[in-house]
Amino acid sequence: MAERKTSTSQVQIWVEMLSGTNRRGRQDAAHELAVIAEREPELLMPHVDALVDALEHPEAQTRWEILNCLTRLALVDEATVAKAVDLAEASLFDDGSATVRLAAFRLLARLGATAPEHSDQAWPLLNEAVQCYHGDPEYRDMLVALLEFAGGDISDATRAALIARVSFDAKNSRGYTQRFSQQIIDRAEGK
């Protein structure tokens, strides 16, 4: 059975709903756009500005779904998606939603892995989040994102700072924190 293709008019309808006044409609639209981003991310590239604007809505689901969209779109065109960094930073420190924080962390890690200058921009935020959320339920998934980041096109300064940040846990922690921290170091060192 052939995979269903999304029309540009369907995408336009979902994008317009993102700016609507109905909270539930925005959440539904954000979810549908996240699904489209997984299958056909190129369809959403003309709408990056509207997606970034949607990060200012108050409801958590809209923001995490859009952050997930943008994370996927960063694989298509990271320079365009980099417009979202400031609002991703605000979401990274959202007091009300661990899901929003994790989605923002993943976006910043993905963007940071694309070029040395992006890594230098993302690293201070990622570093602060690692310190703030160490041991929280979403921390394991943050380490997974850092593992991807470590293998990306990051600057030498960021690479050294990343290794320094996780070295203590690689030597002194147990369980997944120790394993992931060592894997991050190995990947950052090109092993």
N, C-alpha and C. Protein backbone atom coordinates (compact mmCIF):
# COMPACT_ATOMS: atom_id res chain seq x y z
N MET A 1 0.85 -1.18 0.00
CA MET A 1 0.00 0.00 0.00
C MET A 1 0.89 1.24 0.00
N ALA A 2 0.63 2.15 -0.90
CA ALA A 2 1.44 3.37 -1.03
C ALA A 2 1.19 4.30 0.15
N GLU A 3 2.26 4.99 0.56
CA GLU A 3 2.15 5.95 1.64
C GLU A 3 1.36 7.17 1.16
N ARG A 4 0.47 7.64 2.01
CA ARG A 4 -0.36 8.79 1.67
C ARG A 4 0.50 10.05 1.58
N LYS A 5 0.34 10.80 0.53
CA LYS A 5 1.05 12.07 0.37
C LYS A 5 0.14 13.20 0.85
N THR A 6 0.75 14.16 1.46
CA THR A 6 0.02 15.31 1.97
C THR A 6 0.03 16.42 0.93
N SER A 7 -1.10 17.06 0.75
CA SER A 7 -1.15 18.16 -0.21
C SER A 7 -0.70 19.45 0.46
N THR A 8 -0.21 20.37 -0.36
CA THR A 8 0.20 21.66 0.17
C THR A 8 -1.00 22.43 0.74
N SER A 9 -2.18 22.19 0.19
CA SER A 9 -3.37 22.86 0.72
C SER A 9 -3.72 22.33 2.11
N GLN A 10 -3.51 21.02 2.35
CA GLN A 10 -3.72 20.48 3.69
C GLN A 10 -2.73 21.10 4.68
N VAL A 11 -1.49 21.20 4.26
CA VAL A 11 -0.47 21.82 5.11
C VAL A 11 -0.87 23.25 5.43
N GLN A 12 -1.32 23.99 4.43
CA GLN A 12 -1.71 25.39 4.64
C GLN A 12 -2.84 25.50 5.66
N ILE A 13 -3.79 24.61 5.61
CA ILE A 13 -4.90 24.63 6.57
C ILE A 13 -4.38 24.42 7.99
N TRP A 14 -3.50 23.43 8.17
CA TRP A 14 -2.94 23.18 9.51
C TRP A 14 -2.11 24.36 9.99
N VAL A 15 -1.34 24.96 9.10
CA VAL A 15 -0.52 26.11 9.47
C VAL A 15 -1.41 27.28 9.90
N GLU A 16 -2.48 27.52 9.17
CA GLU A 16 -3.40 28.60 9.53
C GLU A 16 -4.06 28.35 10.89
N MET A 17 -4.36 27.10 11.18
CA MET A 17 -4.96 26.76 12.47
C MET A 17 -3.99 27.04 13.63
N LEU A 18 -2.70 26.99 13.36
CA LEU A 18 -1.71 27.27 14.41
C LEU A 18 -1.84 28.68 14.98
N SER A 19 -2.29 29.60 14.16
CA SER A 19 -2.42 30.98 14.62
C SER A 19 -3.85 31.31 15.04
N GLY A 20 -4.70 30.31 15.09
CA GLY A 20 -6.09 30.54 15.46
C GLY A 20 -6.28 30.80 16.96
N THR A 21 -7.49 31.14 17.32
CA THR A 21 -7.80 31.45 18.73
C THR A 21 -8.23 30.22 19.53
N ASN A 22 -8.49 29.12 18.85
CA ASN A 22 -8.95 27.91 19.52
C ASN A 22 -7.76 27.07 19.97
N ARG A 23 -7.61 26.93 21.29
CA ARG A 23 -6.49 26.18 21.85
C ARG A 23 -6.45 24.75 21.33
N ARG A 24 -7.56 24.08 21.36
CA ARG A 24 -7.61 22.68 20.91
C ARG A 24 -7.27 22.58 19.42
N GLY A 25 -7.74 23.53 18.64
CA GLY A 25 -7.41 23.55 17.21
C GLY A 25 -5.92 23.72 16.98
N ARG A 26 -5.28 24.57 17.79
CA ARG A 26 -3.82 24.75 17.66
C ARG A 26 -3.09 23.47 18.01
N GLN A 27 -3.55 22.79 19.08
CA GLN A 27 -2.91 21.54 19.46
C GLN A 27 -3.06 20.48 18.37
N ASP A 28 -4.27 20.36 17.83
CA ASP A 28 -4.51 19.38 16.76
C ASP A 28 -3.64 19.70 15.54
N ALA A 29 -3.58 20.98 15.18
CA ALA A 29 -2.78 21.38 14.03
C ALA A 29 -1.31 21.07 14.26
N ALA A 30 -0.82 21.39 15.45
CA ALA A 30 0.59 21.12 15.77
C ALA A 30 0.89 19.63 15.68
N HIS A 31 -0.03 18.81 16.17
CA HIS A 31 0.17 17.36 16.09
C HIS A 31 0.21 16.89 14.63
N GLU A 32 -0.72 17.34 13.83
CA GLU A 32 -0.74 16.94 12.42
C GLU A 32 0.53 17.39 11.70
N LEU A 33 1.00 18.59 12.01
CA LEU A 33 2.22 19.08 11.37
C LEU A 33 3.44 18.27 11.82
N ALA A 34 3.45 17.82 13.06
CA ALA A 34 4.55 16.97 13.53
C ALA A 34 4.56 15.63 12.78
N VAL A 35 3.39 15.10 12.52
CA VAL A 35 3.29 13.85 11.75
C VAL A 35 3.81 14.08 10.32
N ILE A 36 3.42 15.18 9.72
CA ILE A 36 3.88 15.51 8.37
C ILE A 36 5.39 15.70 8.36
N ALA A 37 5.93 16.33 9.39
CA ALA A 37 7.38 16.56 9.46
C ALA A 37 8.15 15.25 9.45
N GLU A 38 7.58 14.22 10.02
CA GLU A 38 8.24 12.90 10.01
C GLU A 38 8.26 12.28 8.62
N ARG A 39 7.20 12.47 7.87
CA ARG A 39 7.07 11.83 6.55
C ARG A 39 7.58 12.68 5.41
N GLU A 40 7.23 13.97 5.44
CA GLU A 40 7.50 14.86 4.31
C GLU A 40 7.94 16.25 4.81
N PRO A 41 9.10 16.33 5.46
CA PRO A 41 9.51 17.59 6.07
C PRO A 41 9.65 18.74 5.08
N GLU A 42 9.97 18.45 3.85
CA GLU A 42 10.15 19.51 2.86
C GLU A 42 8.86 20.31 2.64
N LEU A 43 7.70 19.70 2.88
CA LEU A 43 6.43 20.42 2.73
C LEU A 43 6.28 21.55 3.76
N LEU A 44 6.98 21.43 4.87
CA LEU A 44 6.84 22.43 5.93
C LEU A 44 7.87 23.55 5.85
N MET A 45 8.89 23.40 5.05
CA MET A 45 9.95 24.40 5.00
C MET A 45 9.45 25.81 4.65
N PRO A 46 8.48 25.96 3.77
CA PRO A 46 8.00 27.33 3.49
C PRO A 46 7.27 27.97 4.67
N HIS A 47 6.99 27.17 5.70
CA HIS A 47 6.18 27.65 6.83
C HIS A 47 6.98 27.75 8.13
N VAL A 48 8.28 27.77 8.05
CA VAL A 48 9.10 27.80 9.26
C VAL A 48 8.77 29.01 10.12
N ASP A 49 8.56 30.16 9.53
CA ASP A 49 8.25 31.36 10.32
C ASP A 49 6.97 31.16 11.15
N ALA A 50 5.96 30.57 10.54
CA ALA A 50 4.71 30.31 11.27
C ALA A 50 4.92 29.28 12.37
N LEU A 51 5.76 28.29 12.12
CA LEU A 51 6.06 27.29 13.15
C LEU A 51 6.79 27.94 14.32
N VAL A 52 7.76 28.78 14.02
CA VAL A 52 8.49 29.47 15.08
C VAL A 52 7.53 30.35 15.89
N ASP A 53 6.65 31.07 15.21
CA ASP A 53 5.68 31.92 15.90
C ASP A 53 4.81 31.10 16.85
N ALA A 54 4.49 29.87 16.48
CA ALA A 54 3.63 29.01 17.29
C ALA A 54 4.27 28.64 18.63
N LEU A 55 5.58 28.81 18.74
CA LEU A 55 6.25 28.51 20.01
C LEU A 55 5.88 29.51 21.11
N GLU A 56 5.18 30.55 20.74
CA GLU A 56 4.76 31.55 21.73
C GLU A 56 3.38 31.27 22.31
N HIS A 57 2.72 30.22 21.85
CA HIS A 57 1.41 29.89 22.41
C HIS A 57 1.57 29.30 23.81
N PRO A 58 0.58 29.49 24.66
CA PRO A 58 0.73 29.07 26.06
C PRO A 58 0.64 27.56 26.29
N GLU A 59 -0.09 26.84 25.46
CA GLU A 59 -0.30 25.43 25.73
C GLU A 59 0.95 24.60 25.39
N ALA A 60 1.28 23.72 26.32
CA ALA A 60 2.49 22.92 26.19
C ALA A 60 2.47 22.02 24.96
N GLN A 61 1.35 21.38 24.68
CA GLN A 61 1.33 20.44 23.57
C GLN A 61 1.66 21.11 22.24
N THR A 62 1.11 22.28 22.01
CA THR A 62 1.42 22.98 20.77
C THR A 62 2.92 23.21 20.67
N ARG A 63 3.53 23.65 21.76
CA ARG A 63 4.97 23.95 21.73
C ARG A 63 5.81 22.69 21.54
N TRP A 64 5.51 21.59 22.25
CA TRP A 64 6.37 20.42 22.08
C TRP A 64 6.20 19.79 20.70
N GLU A 65 4.98 19.82 20.17
CA GLU A 65 4.78 19.27 18.82
C GLU A 65 5.54 20.11 17.79
N ILE A 66 5.51 21.44 17.94
CA ILE A 66 6.20 22.31 16.99
C ILE A 66 7.72 22.19 17.17
N LEU A 67 8.18 22.09 18.39
CA LEU A 67 9.62 21.86 18.60
C LEU A 67 10.06 20.56 17.94
N ASN A 68 9.23 19.53 18.02
CA ASN A 68 9.55 18.27 17.34
C ASN A 68 9.57 18.45 15.83
N CYS A 69 8.62 19.24 15.30
CA CYS A 69 8.62 19.56 13.86
C CYS A 69 9.94 20.21 13.47
N LEU A 70 10.31 21.23 14.21
CA LEU A 70 11.51 21.99 13.88
C LEU A 70 12.77 21.13 14.01
N THR A 71 12.77 20.21 14.95
CA THR A 71 13.92 19.29 15.08
C THR A 71 14.06 18.46 13.82
N ARG A 72 12.96 17.98 13.31
CA ARG A 72 12.98 17.21 12.06
C ARG A 72 13.40 18.08 10.87
N LEU A 73 12.90 19.32 10.83
CA LEU A 73 13.21 20.22 9.73
C LEU A 73 14.67 20.66 9.75
N ALA A 74 15.30 20.63 10.90
CA ALA A 74 16.72 21.00 10.99
C ALA A 74 17.59 20.06 10.15
N LEU A 75 17.10 18.86 9.87
CA LEU A 75 17.83 17.95 8.99
C LEU A 75 17.74 18.38 7.54
N VAL A 76 16.73 19.18 7.22
CA VAL A 76 16.51 19.65 5.85
C VAL A 76 17.25 20.97 5.60
N ASP A 77 17.10 21.91 6.54
CA ASP A 77 17.71 23.24 6.38
C ASP A 77 17.92 23.87 7.74
N GLU A 78 19.06 23.58 8.34
CA GLU A 78 19.32 24.06 9.70
C GLU A 78 19.41 25.57 9.79
N ALA A 79 19.89 26.23 8.74
CA ALA A 79 20.02 27.69 8.78
C ALA A 79 18.66 28.37 8.92
N THR A 80 17.67 27.86 8.24
CA THR A 80 16.33 28.42 8.34
C THR A 80 15.72 28.13 9.70
N VAL A 81 15.91 26.93 10.20
CA VAL A 81 15.34 26.53 11.48
C VAL A 81 16.03 27.24 12.64
N ALA A 82 17.25 27.71 12.44
CA ALA A 82 17.98 28.41 13.50
C ALA A 82 17.24 29.65 14.00
N LYS A 83 16.25 30.12 13.25
CA LYS A 83 15.41 31.25 13.70
C LYS A 83 14.71 30.93 15.02
N ALA A 84 14.59 29.66 15.33
CA ALA A 84 13.83 29.23 16.50
C ALA A 84 14.64 29.21 17.79
N VAL A 85 15.93 29.52 17.74
CA VAL A 85 16.80 29.34 18.91
C VAL A 85 16.31 30.13 20.12
N ASP A 86 15.95 31.38 19.94
CA ASP A 86 15.54 32.19 21.10
C ASP A 86 14.29 31.63 21.79
N LEU A 87 13.30 31.25 21.00
CA LEU A 87 12.10 30.69 21.60
C LEU A 87 12.33 29.27 22.11
N ALA A 88 13.24 28.54 21.49
CA ALA A 88 13.61 27.21 22.02
C ALA A 88 14.27 27.38 23.39
N GLU A 89 15.07 28.42 23.54
CA GLU A 89 15.70 28.68 24.83
C GLU A 89 14.64 28.90 25.91
N ALA A 90 13.63 29.67 25.61
CA ALA A 90 12.56 29.90 26.58
C ALA A 90 11.86 28.59 26.93
N SER A 91 11.64 27.75 25.94
CA SER A 91 11.00 26.46 26.18
C SER A 91 11.90 25.51 26.96
N LEU A 92 13.19 25.65 26.78
CA LEU A 92 14.15 24.78 27.48
C LEU A 92 14.04 24.92 28.99
N PHE A 93 13.61 26.08 29.43
CA PHE A 93 13.52 26.33 30.87
C PHE A 93 12.07 26.52 31.32
N ASP A 94 11.14 25.88 30.59
CA ASP A 94 9.72 25.92 30.92
C ASP A 94 9.50 25.18 32.24
N ASP A 95 8.98 25.88 33.23
CA ASP A 95 8.77 25.27 34.55
C ASP A 95 7.61 24.29 34.57
N GLY A 96 6.71 24.39 33.63
CA GLY A 96 5.49 23.60 33.69
C GLY A 96 5.47 22.30 32.92
N SER A 97 6.45 22.07 32.05
CA SER A 97 6.36 20.88 31.19
C SER A 97 7.73 20.29 30.88
N ALA A 98 7.96 19.10 31.42
CA ALA A 98 9.19 18.38 31.11
C ALA A 98 9.23 18.00 29.63
N THR A 99 8.08 17.73 29.04
CA THR A 99 8.02 17.35 27.63
C THR A 99 8.46 18.51 26.75
N VAL A 100 8.05 19.72 27.09
CA VAL A 100 8.48 20.90 26.33
C VAL A 100 9.98 21.10 26.50
N ARG A 101 10.49 20.96 27.72
CA ARG A 101 11.93 21.13 27.96
C ARG A 101 12.73 20.13 27.13
N LEU A 102 12.30 18.87 27.13
CA LEU A 102 13.02 17.85 26.38
C LEU A 102 12.97 18.13 24.88
N ALA A 103 11.83 18.53 24.37
CA ALA A 103 11.71 18.83 22.93
C ALA A 103 12.63 20.00 22.56
N ALA A 104 12.71 21.00 23.42
CA ALA A 104 13.60 22.14 23.15
C ALA A 104 15.07 21.69 23.20
N PHE A 105 15.40 20.84 24.15
CA PHE A 105 16.77 20.32 24.25
C PHE A 105 17.15 19.57 22.98
N ARG A 106 16.24 18.72 22.51
CA ARG A 106 16.52 17.95 21.28
C ARG A 106 16.73 18.87 20.08
N LEU A 107 15.90 19.91 19.97
CA LEU A 107 16.06 20.85 18.86
C LEU A 107 17.42 21.54 18.94
N LEU A 108 17.78 22.04 20.11
CA LEU A 108 19.06 22.74 20.24
C LEU A 108 20.24 21.80 19.99
N ALA A 109 20.14 20.56 20.45
CA ALA A 109 21.21 19.59 20.19
C ALA A 109 21.32 19.28 18.70
N ARG A 110 20.19 19.13 18.04
CA ARG A 110 20.19 18.84 16.59
C ARG A 110 20.79 20.02 15.83
N LEU A 111 20.34 21.23 16.15
CA LEU A 111 20.88 22.41 15.47
C LEU A 111 22.37 22.57 15.77
N GLY A 112 22.74 22.37 17.01
CA GLY A 112 24.13 22.52 17.41
C GLY A 112 25.06 21.55 16.72
N ALA A 113 24.55 20.41 16.34
CA ALA A 113 25.37 19.38 15.70
C ALA A 113 25.62 19.66 14.22
N THR A 114 25.01 20.70 13.67
CA THR A 114 25.09 20.91 12.22
C THR A 114 26.29 21.72 11.76
N ALA A 115 26.89 22.53 12.65
CA ALA A 115 28.02 23.38 12.24
C ALA A 115 28.70 23.92 13.50
N PRO A 116 30.01 24.16 13.42
CA PRO A 116 30.72 24.66 14.60
C PRO A 116 30.10 25.93 15.20
N GLU A 117 29.69 26.87 14.35
CA GLU A 117 29.11 28.09 14.90
C GLU A 117 27.78 27.83 15.59
N HIS A 118 27.00 26.85 15.08
CA HIS A 118 25.76 26.48 15.75
C HIS A 118 26.04 25.78 17.08
N SER A 119 27.11 24.98 17.11
CA SER A 119 27.45 24.30 18.36
C SER A 119 27.84 25.31 19.43
N ASP A 120 28.57 26.33 19.04
CA ASP A 120 28.97 27.36 20.00
C ASP A 120 27.77 28.14 20.52
N GLN A 121 26.75 28.29 19.70
CA GLN A 121 25.53 28.98 20.12
C GLN A 121 24.68 28.08 21.02
N ALA A 122 24.59 26.80 20.68
CA ALA A 122 23.73 25.89 21.44
C ALA A 122 24.36 25.40 22.74
N TRP A 123 25.67 25.22 22.76
CA TRP A 123 26.31 24.60 23.92
C TRP A 123 26.02 25.28 25.25
N PRO A 124 26.12 26.59 25.38
CA PRO A 124 25.84 27.19 26.71
C PRO A 124 24.43 26.84 27.21
N LEU A 125 23.47 26.76 26.32
CA LEU A 125 22.10 26.41 26.71
C LEU A 125 22.00 24.94 27.09
N LEU A 126 22.61 24.08 26.29
CA LEU A 126 22.60 22.66 26.59
C LEU A 126 23.32 22.39 27.91
N ASN A 127 24.44 23.05 28.11
CA ASN A 127 25.23 22.89 29.32
C ASN A 127 24.42 23.29 30.55
N GLU A 128 23.73 24.42 30.47
CA GLU A 128 22.91 24.86 31.60
C GLU A 128 21.78 23.87 31.87
N ALA A 129 21.17 23.37 30.82
CA ALA A 129 20.07 22.42 30.98
C ALA A 129 20.57 21.11 31.61
N VAL A 130 21.74 20.65 31.20
CA VAL A 130 22.31 19.43 31.77
C VAL A 130 22.49 19.61 33.28
N GLN A 131 22.93 20.77 33.68
CA GLN A 131 23.12 21.04 35.10
C GLN A 131 21.78 21.15 35.84
N CYS A 132 20.82 21.81 35.21
CA CYS A 132 19.51 22.02 35.86
C CYS A 132 18.71 20.74 36.00
N TYR A 133 18.77 19.87 35.00
CA TYR A 133 17.85 18.73 34.95
C TYR A 133 18.54 17.39 35.21
N HIS A 134 19.77 17.43 35.66
CA HIS A 134 20.52 16.20 35.99
C HIS A 134 19.70 15.37 36.97
N GLY A 135 19.38 14.15 36.58
CA GLY A 135 18.61 13.27 37.45
C GLY A 135 17.11 13.35 37.29
N ASP A 136 16.61 14.35 36.56
CA ASP A 136 15.17 14.44 36.31
C ASP A 136 14.75 13.32 35.35
N PRO A 137 13.45 13.01 35.29
CA PRO A 137 13.00 11.91 34.43
C PRO A 137 13.40 12.05 32.96
N GLU A 138 13.48 13.27 32.45
CA GLU A 138 13.83 13.47 31.04
C GLU A 138 15.34 13.46 30.79
N TYR A 139 16.13 13.35 31.84
CA TYR A 139 17.58 13.46 31.70
C TYR A 139 18.17 12.37 30.80
N ARG A 140 17.67 11.15 30.90
CA ARG A 140 18.18 10.07 30.04
C ARG A 140 18.03 10.44 28.56
N ASP A 141 16.87 10.97 28.21
CA ASP A 141 16.65 11.35 26.81
C ASP A 141 17.51 12.54 26.41
N MET A 142 17.82 13.40 27.37
CA MET A 142 18.74 14.50 27.09
C MET A 142 20.13 13.96 26.77
N LEU A 143 20.55 12.93 27.49
CA LEU A 143 21.85 12.32 27.22
C LEU A 143 21.87 11.69 25.82
N VAL A 144 20.77 11.11 25.41
CA VAL A 144 20.68 10.55 24.06
C VAL A 144 20.88 11.67 23.03
N ALA A 145 20.25 12.81 23.24
CA ALA A 145 20.42 13.95 22.33
C ALA A 145 21.86 14.47 22.37
N LEU A 146 22.48 14.47 23.55
CA LEU A 146 23.88 14.90 23.64
C LEU A 146 24.81 13.95 22.91
N LEU A 147 24.45 12.68 22.87
CA LEU A 147 25.25 11.70 22.12
C LEU A 147 25.23 12.04 20.63
N GLU A 148 24.08 12.40 20.11
CA GLU A 148 23.98 12.85 18.71
C GLU A 148 24.80 14.12 18.51
N PHE A 149 24.65 15.06 19.43
CA PHE A 149 25.38 16.33 19.39
C PHE A 149 26.89 16.07 19.35
N ALA A 150 27.36 15.17 20.20
CA ALA A 150 28.80 14.87 20.30
C ALA A 150 29.37 14.36 18.98
N GLY A 151 28.56 13.68 18.19
CA GLY A 151 29.02 13.15 16.92
C GLY A 151 28.84 14.10 15.76
N GLY A 152 28.34 15.29 16.04
CA GLY A 152 28.07 16.25 14.99
C GLY A 152 29.28 17.11 14.64
N ASP A 153 29.02 18.10 13.82
CA ASP A 153 30.05 19.03 13.36
C ASP A 153 30.16 20.17 14.38
N ILE A 154 30.78 19.87 15.52
CA ILE A 154 30.88 20.85 16.60
C ILE A 154 32.29 21.42 16.68
N SER A 155 32.39 22.60 17.25
CA SER A 155 33.70 23.26 17.34
C SER A 155 34.59 22.54 18.35
N ASP A 156 35.89 22.77 18.24
CA ASP A 156 36.83 22.17 19.18
C ASP A 156 36.58 22.66 20.60
N ALA A 157 36.24 23.94 20.75
CA ALA A 157 35.96 24.49 22.08
C ALA A 157 34.72 23.84 22.69
N THR A 158 33.69 23.67 21.89
CA THR A 158 32.48 23.02 22.38
C THR A 158 32.76 21.56 22.71
N ARG A 159 33.52 20.89 21.87
CA ARG A 159 33.86 19.48 22.11
C ARG A 159 34.58 19.34 23.46
N ALA A 160 35.55 20.20 23.71
CA ALA A 160 36.30 20.14 24.98
C ALA A 160 35.38 20.42 26.16
N ALA A 161 34.50 21.41 26.03
CA ALA A 161 33.58 21.74 27.12
C ALA A 161 32.59 20.61 27.38
N LEU A 162 32.12 19.96 26.32
CA LEU A 162 31.20 18.83 26.45
C LEU A 162 31.89 17.68 27.19
N ILE A 163 33.09 17.36 26.78
CA ILE A 163 33.83 16.28 27.44
C ILE A 163 34.05 16.61 28.92
N ALA A 164 34.42 17.84 29.20
CA ALA A 164 34.63 18.25 30.59
C ALA A 164 33.33 18.13 31.39
N ARG A 165 32.20 18.49 30.78
CA ARG A 165 30.92 18.46 31.50
C ARG A 165 30.54 17.04 31.90
N VAL A 166 30.73 16.05 31.02
CA VAL A 166 30.25 14.70 31.32
C VAL A 166 31.31 13.79 31.92
N SER A 167 32.54 14.26 32.04
CA SER A 167 33.63 13.41 32.55
C SER A 167 33.39 12.93 33.97
N PHE A 168 32.89 13.80 34.84
CA PHE A 168 32.64 13.38 36.22
C PHE A 168 31.67 12.21 36.25
N ASP A 169 30.57 12.31 35.52
CA ASP A 169 29.59 11.23 35.51
C ASP A 169 30.14 9.97 34.85
N ALA A 170 30.99 10.12 33.87
CA ALA A 170 31.58 8.94 33.22
C ALA A 170 32.45 8.15 34.20
N LYS A 171 33.04 8.85 35.14
CA LYS A 171 33.93 8.19 36.11
C LYS A 171 33.23 7.80 37.40
N ASN A 172 32.23 8.56 37.81
CA ASN A 172 31.70 8.41 39.16
C ASN A 172 30.24 7.99 39.27
N SER A 173 29.49 8.04 38.19
CA SER A 173 28.08 7.66 38.26
C SER A 173 27.92 6.17 38.01
N ARG A 174 26.67 5.76 38.02
CA ARG A 174 26.34 4.37 37.71
C ARG A 174 25.20 4.35 36.70
N GLY A 175 24.96 3.18 36.21
CA GLY A 175 23.80 2.99 35.34
C GLY A 175 23.89 3.78 34.05
N TYR A 176 22.72 4.19 33.56
CA TYR A 176 22.66 4.85 32.25
C TYR A 176 23.45 6.15 32.24
N THR A 177 23.50 6.87 33.34
CA THR A 177 24.23 8.14 33.36
C THR A 177 25.71 7.90 33.07
N GLN A 178 26.27 6.89 33.70
CA GLN A 178 27.69 6.57 33.46
C GLN A 178 27.90 6.08 32.04
N ARG A 179 27.05 5.18 31.58
CA ARG A 179 27.22 4.61 30.23
C ARG A 179 27.10 5.67 29.14
N PHE A 180 26.05 6.47 29.22
CA PHE A 180 25.87 7.52 28.21
C PHE A 180 26.98 8.55 28.28
N SER A 181 27.39 8.92 29.47
CA SER A 181 28.46 9.92 29.60
C SER A 181 29.73 9.41 28.94
N GLN A 182 30.07 8.15 29.14
CA GLN A 182 31.26 7.60 28.49
C GLN A 182 31.08 7.51 26.98
N GLN A 183 29.90 7.14 26.53
CA GLN A 183 29.64 7.10 25.09
C GLN A 183 29.74 8.49 24.47
N ILE A 184 29.29 9.51 25.19
CA ILE A 184 29.39 10.89 24.70
C ILE A 184 30.85 11.26 24.56
N ILE A 185 31.65 10.95 25.55
CA ILE A 185 33.10 11.25 25.48
C ILE A 185 33.73 10.52 24.31
N ASP A 186 33.44 9.23 24.19
CA ASP A 186 34.03 8.44 23.08
C ASP A 186 33.64 9.01 21.73
N ARG A 187 32.38 9.36 21.57
CA ARG A 187 31.94 9.89 20.29
C ARG A 187 32.58 11.26 20.02
N ALA A 188 32.64 12.10 21.04
CA ALA A 188 33.25 13.44 20.88
C ALA A 188 34.73 13.32 20.52
N GLU A 189 35.39 12.28 21.03
CA GLU A 189 36.80 12.06 20.72
C GLU A 189 37.00 11.28 19.44
N GLY A 190 35.90 10.90 18.78
CA GLY A 190 35.99 10.20 17.51
C GLY A 190 36.33 8.74 17.62
N LYS A 191 36.05 8.15 18.76
CA LYS A 191 36.35 6.72 18.97
C LYS A 191 35.24 5.84 18.46
